[in-house]
Every structure is written in C-alpha cells, then in structure tokens.
C-alpha cells in the first residue's frame, strides 16, 4: 500500500534529507499515488512538525533550512506529475518576495519563500537588492496578492516604506497586502509604515500570509 509512504515522507522532511524526500516522491509517482496526497498527507506534515518544533525552540534555523530544501526536492519531482494529471495544487495566493534595495541578505527571505511554496503559495522571488520599481512591475505582471519585503539593516528598512508608498500611489494598496521582516523590524515599525503583517521567522510568515489572504 502506498499510504505507508506517508510517514516516511514526513520523516524525510523532519530529517532534512533531500535525497530521501526526492526518492520517496519518485516512489509515489511510480506507484500511482496522487501527488497532491503525497504533499498534503506526507511531506507537508513533516514541514509542519519542524515548524512547530522551531516555534517552541526545539529545532533551530539549520534544521528549518534543511527541511525547506528537502521539501523543494520532493516538490520538484512531484510537480511534473501534477501537470501531467492536470491537478494543480490549490494556490492560496501569489507572493512577490524581495530583499529591498541596498540590502543583500538572502537566507531569511529564501527560507520564507521555500516555506510559502511548500504551504501552497505561488512565490516569485526577485532576489536581493531589489528597487521598488522592479517590485511594483512584478506585482502588476503576476497580479500578486502579497508582497514580502526583507531588510536586515536599519539603513535599508526605509525601503520597505518606499515600496508601500509606491503601491499606494498606484492604487494597489487595497488589493495587495504587504508583509515585512528582518532582524531590525519591530511591531512599531510595521504600524508606522502601515504594513499589513510581520513575522520574526519563516514559520510565522506562513501563518501571517495565510491570514492576509483569508486562508487561515
């Protein structure tokens, strides 16, 4: 029975074992298991387990990063099978992610992107040091629901506000929600720049994103 793969799938993510995750995903495809089931009943359970452990302080950033990588490896194998079957995963929302202009910190943002992808969001990661105009162009191009802005320097935090102002000027602020993150970001700052949500870590970011698109 292919359902016995589910706990192994979950465990491969908890172990942060990308090779095992990809191999189990391949096994699922070969045994005719619905790839959506493999994700929702197998791999995502592992992501949630690691996320909960991280939130409680029982797991640490490297484990979260490895779990994210393992999830990516599994999805990479399952995605073509989903396309073949025509079963698209339910997309909760489209997110444009970027580290703001002048800032080149990557890890936190990439991790948030991986976790959002794993949780059912369509993620467009623009990378680091991204000017506001480029973020705006991407938001329009993909008709984004959410923008995620990362800043790790106090000097670049102002660029988060700049993006919000630009969206405002274009009349997009009612439609597009903005999440901000990064070490110097505080709740006070979030209120000051009128962002819609903020999280201290990748798992929190998923919860905030779901809330903002009404999927929580």
Protein backbone atom coordinates (compact mmCIF):
# COMPACT_ATOMS: atom_id res chain seq x y z
CA UNK A 1 0.00 0.00 0.00
CA UNK A 2 1.41 3.33 -0.99
CA UNK A 3 -0.08 5.03 2.09
CA UNK A 4 2.75 3.56 4.13
CA UNK A 5 4.93 6.07 2.29
CA UNK A 6 3.26 8.99 4.11
CA UNK A 7 5.10 8.65 7.46
CA UNK A 8 8.39 8.10 5.60
CA UNK A 9 7.75 11.25 3.54
CA UNK A 10 7.07 13.25 6.65
CA UNK A 11 10.20 11.84 8.30
CA UNK A 12 12.40 12.71 5.30
CA UNK A 13 11.44 16.37 5.77
CA UNK A 14 11.97 16.23 9.54
CA UNK A 15 15.41 14.72 8.89
CA UNK A 16 16.10 17.39 6.26
CA UNK A 17 17.09 14.59 3.88
CA UNK A 18 16.62 15.92 0.34
CA UNK A 19 17.75 12.66 -1.33
CA UNK A 20 15.27 10.58 0.66
CA UNK A 21 12.48 13.09 0.03
CA UNK A 22 13.11 13.04 -3.74
CA UNK A 23 13.34 9.22 -3.77
CA UNK A 24 10.05 8.89 -1.87
CA UNK A 25 8.39 11.37 -4.22
CA UNK A 26 9.64 9.26 -7.15
CA UNK A 27 8.28 6.13 -5.48
CA UNK A 28 4.91 7.85 -5.06
CA UNK A 29 4.83 8.75 -8.76
CA UNK A 30 5.76 5.19 -9.78
CA UNK A 31 3.14 3.63 -7.52
CA UNK A 32 0.45 5.88 -8.97
CA UNK A 33 -0.14 7.79 -5.76
CA UNK A 34 -1.86 11.14 -6.24
CA UNK A 35 0.94 13.74 -5.97
CA UNK A 36 -1.38 16.11 -4.13
CA UNK A 37 -1.96 13.45 -1.48
CA UNK A 38 1.78 12.84 -1.23
CA UNK A 39 2.23 16.54 -0.49
CA UNK A 40 -0.70 17.08 1.87
CA UNK A 41 -0.62 13.77 3.78
CA UNK A 42 3.11 13.17 3.65
CA UNK A 43 5.60 15.95 3.09
CA UNK A 44 3.63 18.89 4.50
CA UNK A 45 3.13 17.01 7.78
CA UNK A 46 6.91 16.99 8.10
CA UNK A 47 7.17 20.71 7.31
CA UNK A 48 4.54 21.48 9.96
CA UNK A 49 6.28 19.27 12.52
CA UNK A 50 9.61 21.04 12.04
CA UNK A 51 7.85 24.41 12.03
CA UNK A 52 6.13 23.70 15.34
CA UNK A 53 9.38 22.46 16.88
CA UNK A 54 11.13 25.62 15.65
CA UNK A 55 8.41 27.84 17.12
CA UNK A 56 8.86 26.12 20.51
CA UNK A 57 12.64 26.42 20.35
CA UNK A 58 13.12 22.64 19.97
CA UNK A 59 14.54 22.96 16.46
CA UNK A 60 16.93 25.53 15.04
CA UNK A 61 17.46 27.51 11.85
CA UNK A 62 19.74 24.95 10.10
CA UNK A 63 17.07 22.26 10.59
CA UNK A 64 14.42 24.57 9.21
CA UNK A 65 16.60 25.35 6.18
CA UNK A 66 17.27 21.65 5.56
CA UNK A 67 13.57 20.79 5.90
CA UNK A 68 12.80 23.52 3.36
CA UNK A 69 15.40 22.15 0.95
CA UNK A 70 14.03 18.61 1.33
CA UNK A 71 10.53 19.90 0.63
CA UNK A 72 11.80 21.65 -2.51
CA UNK A 73 13.40 18.39 -3.68
CA UNK A 74 10.13 16.50 -3.21
CA UNK A 75 8.03 19.14 -4.97
CA UNK A 76 10.49 19.21 -7.90
CA UNK A 77 9.78 15.50 -8.50
CA UNK A 78 6.01 15.77 -7.98
CA UNK A 79 5.36 18.97 -9.95
CA UNK A 80 5.70 17.40 -13.46
CA UNK A 81 3.38 14.56 -12.43
CA UNK A 82 0.81 17.09 -11.21
CA UNK A 83 0.99 18.93 -14.52
CA UNK A 84 0.58 15.67 -16.38
CA UNK A 85 -2.52 14.83 -14.38
CA UNK A 86 -3.77 18.38 -14.63
CA UNK A 87 -4.18 18.52 -10.85
CA UNK A 88 -2.81 21.85 -9.87
CA UNK A 89 -2.24 22.36 -6.19
CA UNK A 90 -4.70 24.84 -4.81
CA UNK A 91 -2.78 28.09 -4.86
CA UNK A 92 -3.54 30.13 -1.75
CA UNK A 93 -2.16 33.32 -3.24
CA UNK A 94 0.64 34.85 -5.30
CA UNK A 95 3.54 36.34 -3.39
CA UNK A 96 6.28 38.62 -4.69
CA UNK A 97 9.30 38.34 -2.38
CA UNK A 98 12.35 40.58 -2.30
CA UNK A 99 15.14 41.85 -0.14
CA UNK A 100 14.90 45.62 -0.51
CA UNK A 101 17.28 47.88 -2.39
CA UNK A 102 20.70 48.28 -0.80
CA UNK A 103 20.39 45.06 1.20
CA UNK A 104 21.92 41.76 0.13
CA UNK A 105 20.75 39.42 2.89
CA UNK A 106 19.35 36.28 1.38
CA UNK A 107 18.86 33.43 3.84
CA UNK A 108 15.76 34.59 5.72
CA UNK A 109 13.94 35.61 2.57
CA UNK A 110 14.80 32.41 0.72
CA UNK A 111 13.60 30.35 3.65
CA UNK A 112 10.32 32.25 3.78
CA UNK A 113 9.92 31.63 0.04
CA UNK A 114 10.51 27.92 0.41
CA UNK A 115 8.07 27.62 3.30
CA UNK A 116 5.41 29.64 1.48
CA UNK A 117 5.84 27.45 -1.63
CA UNK A 118 5.60 24.33 0.49
CA UNK A 119 2.41 25.64 2.05
CA UNK A 120 0.64 26.27 -1.25
CA UNK A 121 1.58 29.81 -2.27
CA UNK A 122 2.93 30.70 -5.68
CA UNK A 123 6.17 32.54 -4.97
CA UNK A 124 8.05 34.93 -7.23
CA UNK A 125 11.41 35.56 -5.55
CA UNK A 126 13.13 38.61 -7.05
CA UNK A 127 16.32 38.11 -5.05
CA UNK A 128 18.27 40.77 -3.16
CA UNK A 129 18.93 44.49 -3.57
CA UNK A 130 15.67 44.96 -5.49
CA UNK A 131 14.50 48.51 -6.33
CA UNK A 132 10.89 49.45 -5.54
CA UNK A 133 10.06 49.99 -9.23
CA UNK A 134 11.04 46.40 -10.03
CA UNK A 135 8.88 45.06 -7.19
CA UNK A 136 5.94 47.14 -8.43
CA UNK A 137 6.39 45.90 -12.01
CA UNK A 138 6.35 42.26 -10.85
CA UNK A 139 3.27 42.83 -8.68
CA UNK A 140 1.42 44.14 -11.73
CA UNK A 141 2.76 41.45 -14.04
CA UNK A 142 1.65 38.48 -11.93
CA UNK A 143 -1.33 40.18 -10.29
CA UNK A 144 0.12 39.48 -6.84
CA UNK A 145 -1.92 39.20 -3.64
CA UNK A 146 1.01 39.68 -1.30
CA UNK A 147 4.40 41.34 -1.20
CA UNK A 148 7.06 40.13 1.24
CA UNK A 149 9.88 42.58 1.96
CA UNK A 150 13.00 41.67 3.87
CA UNK A 151 15.54 44.10 5.33
CA UNK A 152 18.36 43.23 7.67
CA UNK A 153 19.93 46.66 8.01
CA UNK A 154 18.41 49.60 9.83
CA UNK A 155 19.57 51.75 6.92
CA UNK A 156 17.56 49.78 4.35
CA UNK A 157 14.34 49.44 6.36
CA UNK A 158 13.13 52.75 4.89
CA UNK A 159 12.95 51.00 1.52
CA UNK A 160 10.11 48.84 2.92
CA UNK A 161 8.15 52.04 3.41
CA UNK A 162 9.11 53.22 -0.07
CA UNK A 163 7.58 50.08 -1.63
CA UNK A 164 4.36 50.61 0.35
CA UNK A 165 4.23 54.25 -0.81
CA UNK A 166 4.76 53.21 -4.43
CA UNK A 167 1.95 50.63 -4.22
CA UNK A 168 -0.24 53.28 -2.61
CA UNK A 169 0.46 55.76 -5.39
CA UNK A 170 -0.56 53.14 -7.96
CA UNK A 171 -3.82 52.50 -6.11
CA UNK A 172 -2.83 48.91 -5.32
CA UNK A 173 -2.74 49.02 -1.53
CA UNK A 174 -6.33 47.84 -1.10
CA UNK A 175 -5.67 44.74 -3.15
CA UNK A 176 -2.05 43.92 -2.31
CA UNK A 177 -1.09 43.09 1.25
CA UNK A 178 2.45 43.77 2.42
CA UNK A 179 4.41 41.63 4.89
CA UNK A 180 7.74 42.81 6.22
CA UNK A 181 10.51 41.01 8.03
CA UNK A 182 14.14 41.15 9.05
CA UNK A 183 16.07 41.50 12.30
CA UNK A 184 15.56 45.26 12.89
CA UNK A 185 11.83 45.18 12.07
CA UNK A 186 9.55 45.75 15.06
CA UNK A 187 5.79 45.97 15.53
CA UNK A 188 6.15 49.74 15.99
CA UNK A 189 7.88 49.99 12.63
CA UNK A 190 5.18 47.86 11.00
CA UNK A 191 2.49 50.20 12.32
CA UNK A 192 4.47 53.28 11.36
CA UNK A 193 4.83 52.25 7.71
CA UNK A 194 1.32 50.74 7.68
CA UNK A 195 2.37 47.27 6.58
CA UNK A 196 -0.23 44.51 6.91
CA UNK A 197 1.80 41.87 8.65
CA UNK A 198 5.13 40.96 10.14
CA UNK A 199 6.85 37.84 11.30
CA UNK A 200 10.06 37.06 13.11
CA UNK A 201 10.61 33.77 11.31
CA UNK A 202 9.65 31.72 8.27
CA UNK A 203 7.01 29.62 10.01
CA UNK A 204 5.34 32.71 11.40
CA UNK A 205 5.45 34.24 7.93
CA UNK A 206 3.38 31.35 6.55
CA UNK A 207 0.72 31.88 9.24
CA UNK A 208 0.66 35.64 8.57
CA UNK A 209 0.45 35.10 4.79
CA UNK A 210 -2.47 32.69 5.19
CA UNK A 211 -4.24 35.16 7.43
CA UNK A 212 -3.72 38.01 4.95
CA UNK A 213 -5.21 36.08 2.04
CA UNK A 214 -8.05 34.78 4.21
CA UNK A 215 -6.86 31.16 4.08
CA UNK A 216 -6.02 30.78 7.77
